[in-house]
N, C-alpha and C. Protein backbone atom coordinates (compact mmCIF):
# COMPACT_ATOMS: atom_id res chain seq x y z
N UNK A 1 -20.35 64.12 42.30
CA UNK A 1 -18.92 64.30 42.35
C UNK A 1 -18.30 63.20 43.20
N UNK A 2 -17.37 62.50 42.63
CA UNK A 2 -16.69 61.45 43.37
C UNK A 2 -15.72 62.04 44.39
N UNK A 3 -15.15 63.16 44.07
CA UNK A 3 -14.19 63.80 44.98
C UNK A 3 -14.47 65.29 44.97
N UNK A 4 -14.79 65.81 46.11
CA UNK A 4 -15.07 67.24 46.19
C UNK A 4 -13.80 68.00 46.51
N UNK A 5 -13.49 68.98 45.69
CA UNK A 5 -12.35 69.85 45.94
C UNK A 5 -12.76 70.84 47.02
N UNK A 6 -11.92 71.03 48.01
CA UNK A 6 -12.24 71.89 49.15
C UNK A 6 -11.55 73.25 49.02
N UNK A 7 -12.01 74.24 49.80
CA UNK A 7 -11.32 75.52 49.83
C UNK A 7 -9.86 75.36 50.27
N UNK A 8 -9.58 74.41 51.17
CA UNK A 8 -8.20 74.16 51.57
C UNK A 8 -7.35 73.77 50.36
N UNK A 9 -7.88 72.86 49.53
CA UNK A 9 -7.18 72.46 48.30
C UNK A 9 -6.91 73.67 47.42
N UNK A 10 -7.89 74.55 47.33
CA UNK A 10 -7.76 75.74 46.48
C UNK A 10 -6.67 76.67 46.99
N UNK A 11 -6.63 76.89 48.30
CA UNK A 11 -5.59 77.76 48.87
C UNK A 11 -4.21 77.16 48.63
N UNK A 12 -4.08 75.84 48.82
CA UNK A 12 -2.79 75.17 48.58
C UNK A 12 -2.38 75.30 47.11
N UNK A 13 -3.34 75.27 46.22
CA UNK A 13 -3.05 75.41 44.80
C UNK A 13 -2.65 76.85 44.45
N UNK A 14 -3.36 77.81 45.02
CA UNK A 14 -3.08 79.22 44.74
C UNK A 14 -1.77 79.69 45.34
N UNK A 15 -1.47 79.21 46.53
CA UNK A 15 -0.29 79.66 47.27
C UNK A 15 0.50 78.45 47.79
N UNK A 16 1.13 77.68 46.90
CA UNK A 16 1.75 76.42 47.31
C UNK A 16 2.92 76.55 48.29
N UNK A 17 3.55 77.71 48.35
CA UNK A 17 4.72 77.86 49.21
C UNK A 17 4.45 78.64 50.49
N UNK A 18 3.19 78.84 50.81
CA UNK A 18 2.82 79.62 51.99
C UNK A 18 2.38 78.68 53.11
N UNK A 19 2.85 78.97 54.30
CA UNK A 19 2.42 78.24 55.49
C UNK A 19 1.21 78.97 56.06
N UNK A 20 0.15 78.23 56.31
CA UNK A 20 -1.05 78.86 56.87
C UNK A 20 -1.77 77.87 57.76
N UNK A 21 -2.58 78.43 58.68
CA UNK A 21 -3.42 77.60 59.52
C UNK A 21 -4.79 77.47 58.88
N UNK A 22 -5.48 76.39 59.23
CA UNK A 22 -6.77 76.12 58.61
C UNK A 22 -7.73 75.57 59.64
N UNK A 23 -8.94 76.12 59.69
CA UNK A 23 -9.99 75.60 60.56
C UNK A 23 -10.92 74.76 59.68
N UNK A 24 -10.86 73.42 59.78
CA UNK A 24 -11.67 72.60 58.90
C UNK A 24 -13.18 72.73 59.12
N UNK A 25 -13.59 73.03 60.34
CA UNK A 25 -15.04 73.12 60.57
C UNK A 25 -15.64 74.38 59.94
N UNK A 26 -14.91 75.48 59.95
CA UNK A 26 -15.42 76.70 59.33
C UNK A 26 -14.86 76.92 57.93
N UNK A 27 -13.91 76.07 57.54
CA UNK A 27 -13.22 76.19 56.26
C UNK A 27 -12.67 77.60 56.05
N UNK A 28 -11.93 78.05 57.07
CA UNK A 28 -11.34 79.38 57.01
C UNK A 28 -9.86 79.32 57.36
N UNK A 29 -9.13 80.26 56.79
CA UNK A 29 -7.72 80.41 57.12
C UNK A 29 -7.63 81.02 58.51
N UNK A 30 -6.79 80.43 59.37
CA UNK A 30 -6.66 80.94 60.74
C UNK A 30 -5.32 81.61 60.98
N UNK A 31 -4.40 81.43 60.10
CA UNK A 31 -3.10 82.07 60.22
C UNK A 31 -2.47 82.15 58.84
N UNK A 32 -1.63 83.16 58.64
CA UNK A 32 -1.06 83.35 57.32
C UNK A 32 0.34 83.92 57.43
N UNK A 33 1.26 83.37 56.68
CA UNK A 33 2.63 83.85 56.62
C UNK A 33 2.69 84.96 55.57
N UNK A 34 2.56 86.22 56.00
CA UNK A 34 2.52 87.36 55.07
C UNK A 34 3.82 87.59 54.33
N UNK A 35 4.91 86.98 54.80
CA UNK A 35 6.18 87.18 54.11
C UNK A 35 6.19 86.52 52.72
N UNK A 36 5.23 85.65 52.45
CA UNK A 36 5.16 84.95 51.16
C UNK A 36 4.05 85.50 50.26
N UNK A 37 3.45 86.59 50.63
CA UNK A 37 2.39 87.16 49.80
C UNK A 37 1.09 87.27 50.57
N UNK A 38 0.15 87.95 49.93
CA UNK A 38 -1.12 88.19 50.60
C UNK A 38 -2.03 86.97 50.50
N UNK A 39 -2.96 86.94 51.41
CA UNK A 39 -3.96 85.87 51.47
C UNK A 39 -4.90 85.99 50.28
N UNK A 40 -5.30 84.86 49.65
CA UNK A 40 -6.25 84.96 48.54
C UNK A 40 -7.63 85.38 49.04
N UNK A 41 -8.35 86.08 48.20
CA UNK A 41 -9.71 86.51 48.56
C UNK A 41 -10.66 85.32 48.50
N UNK A 42 -11.84 85.50 49.10
CA UNK A 42 -12.86 84.45 49.04
C UNK A 42 -13.25 84.17 47.59
N UNK A 43 -13.31 85.21 46.77
CA UNK A 43 -13.66 85.04 45.35
C UNK A 43 -12.59 84.24 44.62
N UNK A 44 -11.31 84.53 44.94
CA UNK A 44 -10.21 83.78 44.33
C UNK A 44 -10.27 82.31 44.73
N UNK A 45 -10.57 82.05 46.00
CA UNK A 45 -10.65 80.67 46.49
C UNK A 45 -11.80 79.93 45.81
N UNK A 46 -12.95 80.57 45.72
CA UNK A 46 -14.11 79.95 45.06
C UNK A 46 -13.81 79.65 43.60
N UNK A 47 -13.19 80.60 42.91
CA UNK A 47 -12.85 80.39 41.51
C UNK A 47 -11.87 79.23 41.35
N UNK A 48 -10.93 79.11 42.27
CA UNK A 48 -9.95 78.03 42.20
C UNK A 48 -10.58 76.68 42.52
N UNK A 49 -11.50 76.66 43.48
CA UNK A 49 -12.25 75.42 43.76
C UNK A 49 -12.96 74.96 42.49
N UNK A 50 -13.64 75.87 41.82
CA UNK A 50 -14.37 75.54 40.60
C UNK A 50 -13.44 75.05 39.49
N UNK A 51 -12.29 75.71 39.36
CA UNK A 51 -11.32 75.33 38.32
C UNK A 51 -10.77 73.93 38.60
N UNK A 52 -10.36 73.68 39.85
CA UNK A 52 -9.81 72.37 40.21
C UNK A 52 -10.85 71.26 40.08
N UNK A 53 -12.09 71.57 40.48
CA UNK A 53 -13.16 70.57 40.39
C UNK A 53 -13.44 70.22 38.93
N UNK A 54 -13.42 71.21 38.06
CA UNK A 54 -13.66 70.97 36.62
C UNK A 54 -12.56 70.07 36.05
N UNK A 55 -11.32 70.30 36.45
CA UNK A 55 -10.22 69.46 35.99
C UNK A 55 -10.41 68.03 36.49
N UNK A 56 -10.72 67.89 37.77
CA UNK A 56 -10.94 66.56 38.36
C UNK A 56 -12.08 65.84 37.65
N UNK A 57 -13.20 66.53 37.48
CA UNK A 57 -14.37 65.92 36.84
C UNK A 57 -14.09 65.51 35.40
N UNK A 58 -13.28 66.29 34.69
CA UNK A 58 -13.00 66.00 33.28
C UNK A 58 -12.18 64.73 33.10
N UNK A 59 -11.60 64.23 34.17
CA UNK A 59 -10.77 63.03 34.08
C UNK A 59 -11.45 61.79 34.66
N UNK A 60 -12.77 61.86 34.83
CA UNK A 60 -13.52 60.72 35.37
C UNK A 60 -13.33 59.47 34.51
N UNK A 61 -13.35 59.64 33.20
CA UNK A 61 -13.20 58.49 32.32
C UNK A 61 -11.85 57.79 32.55
N UNK A 62 -10.81 58.55 32.89
CA UNK A 62 -9.49 57.95 33.15
C UNK A 62 -9.53 57.09 34.42
N UNK A 63 -10.21 57.61 35.45
CA UNK A 63 -10.30 56.84 36.70
C UNK A 63 -11.12 55.58 36.49
N UNK A 64 -12.20 55.67 35.71
CA UNK A 64 -13.01 54.48 35.43
C UNK A 64 -12.20 53.46 34.65
N UNK A 65 -11.50 53.92 33.62
CA UNK A 65 -10.70 53.00 32.81
C UNK A 65 -9.64 52.30 33.66
N UNK A 66 -8.95 53.06 34.50
CA UNK A 66 -7.86 52.49 35.30
C UNK A 66 -8.34 51.31 36.14
N UNK A 67 -9.54 51.42 36.68
CA UNK A 67 -10.05 50.34 37.53
C UNK A 67 -10.55 49.14 36.72
N UNK A 68 -10.77 49.32 35.42
CA UNK A 68 -11.32 48.26 34.59
C UNK A 68 -10.29 47.51 33.75
N UNK A 69 -9.14 48.13 33.51
CA UNK A 69 -8.10 47.44 32.75
C UNK A 69 -7.64 46.20 33.51
N UNK A 70 -7.29 45.13 32.78
CA UNK A 70 -6.68 43.99 33.46
C UNK A 70 -5.37 44.44 34.12
N UNK A 71 -4.93 43.71 35.11
CA UNK A 71 -3.66 44.05 35.78
C UNK A 71 -2.52 44.02 34.75
N UNK A 72 -1.44 44.69 35.07
CA UNK A 72 -0.27 44.70 34.18
C UNK A 72 0.21 43.27 33.94
N UNK A 73 0.22 42.47 35.00
CA UNK A 73 0.65 41.08 34.85
C UNK A 73 -0.23 40.34 33.85
N UNK A 74 -1.55 40.52 33.97
CA UNK A 74 -2.48 39.87 33.05
C UNK A 74 -2.31 40.39 31.62
N UNK A 75 -2.06 41.70 31.49
CA UNK A 75 -1.86 42.26 30.16
C UNK A 75 -0.60 41.71 29.51
N UNK A 76 0.46 41.59 30.29
CA UNK A 76 1.70 41.02 29.74
C UNK A 76 1.50 39.57 29.33
N UNK A 77 0.75 38.82 30.14
CA UNK A 77 0.45 37.44 29.80
C UNK A 77 -0.37 37.36 28.52
N UNK A 78 -1.37 38.26 28.38
CA UNK A 78 -2.17 38.30 27.16
C UNK A 78 -1.29 38.59 25.95
N UNK A 79 -0.37 39.54 26.10
CA UNK A 79 0.51 39.90 24.99
C UNK A 79 1.40 38.73 24.59
N UNK A 80 1.92 38.02 25.58
CA UNK A 80 2.75 36.86 25.30
C UNK A 80 1.98 35.82 24.49
N UNK A 81 0.79 35.48 24.99
CA UNK A 81 0.01 34.43 24.31
C UNK A 81 -0.53 34.91 22.96
N UNK A 82 -0.82 36.21 22.85
CA UNK A 82 -1.23 36.74 21.55
C UNK A 82 -0.09 36.59 20.53
N UNK A 83 1.11 36.89 20.95
CA UNK A 83 2.28 36.77 20.07
C UNK A 83 2.50 35.30 19.69
N UNK A 84 2.37 34.44 20.68
CA UNK A 84 2.59 33.00 20.48
C UNK A 84 1.51 32.38 19.58
N UNK A 85 0.26 32.81 19.77
CA UNK A 85 -0.86 32.18 19.07
C UNK A 85 -1.43 32.98 17.91
N UNK A 86 -0.89 34.18 17.70
CA UNK A 86 -1.43 35.02 16.62
C UNK A 86 -2.83 35.54 16.90
N UNK A 87 -3.14 35.74 18.19
CA UNK A 87 -4.48 36.22 18.58
C UNK A 87 -4.42 37.70 18.94
N UNK A 88 -5.58 38.26 19.29
CA UNK A 88 -5.67 39.69 19.64
C UNK A 88 -6.38 39.89 20.98
N UNK A 89 -6.19 38.98 21.91
CA UNK A 89 -6.86 39.04 23.21
C UNK A 89 -6.57 40.35 23.93
N UNK A 90 -5.30 40.74 23.96
CA UNK A 90 -4.92 41.97 24.68
C UNK A 90 -5.52 43.20 24.02
N UNK A 91 -5.37 43.32 22.71
CA UNK A 91 -5.92 44.47 21.98
C UNK A 91 -7.42 44.54 22.19
N UNK A 92 -8.09 43.40 22.14
CA UNK A 92 -9.54 43.37 22.32
C UNK A 92 -9.94 43.83 23.72
N UNK A 93 -9.19 43.36 24.74
CA UNK A 93 -9.51 43.72 26.12
C UNK A 93 -9.35 45.22 26.36
N UNK A 94 -8.25 45.77 25.87
CA UNK A 94 -7.99 47.21 26.05
C UNK A 94 -8.99 48.03 25.25
N UNK A 95 -9.28 47.61 24.04
CA UNK A 95 -10.24 48.34 23.19
C UNK A 95 -11.63 48.36 23.81
N UNK A 96 -12.03 47.27 24.46
CA UNK A 96 -13.35 47.22 25.10
C UNK A 96 -13.44 48.23 26.24
N UNK A 97 -12.40 48.30 27.08
CA UNK A 97 -12.40 49.27 28.18
C UNK A 97 -12.50 50.68 27.61
N UNK A 98 -11.72 50.96 26.57
CA UNK A 98 -11.74 52.30 25.97
C UNK A 98 -13.10 52.62 25.34
N UNK A 99 -13.68 51.66 24.63
CA UNK A 99 -14.96 51.95 23.98
C UNK A 99 -16.11 52.06 24.98
N UNK A 100 -16.04 51.29 26.07
CA UNK A 100 -17.07 51.37 27.11
C UNK A 100 -16.96 52.64 27.95
N UNK A 101 -15.78 53.28 27.94
CA UNK A 101 -15.53 54.49 28.74
C UNK A 101 -14.81 55.52 27.87
N UNK A 102 -15.52 56.10 26.89
CA UNK A 102 -14.88 57.02 25.95
C UNK A 102 -14.49 58.35 26.59
N UNK A 103 -13.54 58.99 25.95
CA UNK A 103 -13.19 60.35 26.37
C UNK A 103 -14.40 61.23 26.09
N UNK A 104 -14.62 62.21 26.96
CA UNK A 104 -15.78 63.11 26.72
C UNK A 104 -15.58 63.98 25.49
């Protein structure tokens, strides 16, 4: 896993408008604003960690592609010269990144 989703992330996702304290060493809630609803259970937090991690993992190909595409400036330059010269440099470059890193 390139990025591990934490229980803190899960609580923030489950209860985005609640203010709470967090102990990072024990990964436990230390305070909770009950006026915004009840605290999520450990099972709810675990399920949310798993759900968020699955979403993150499913987009690995997007993160790989983003780092491999030529810069926007280079892509615009490729498009200009392709138009001027009747070539397909830009299409070829983008197609290679996509084919080397396919969607799952």
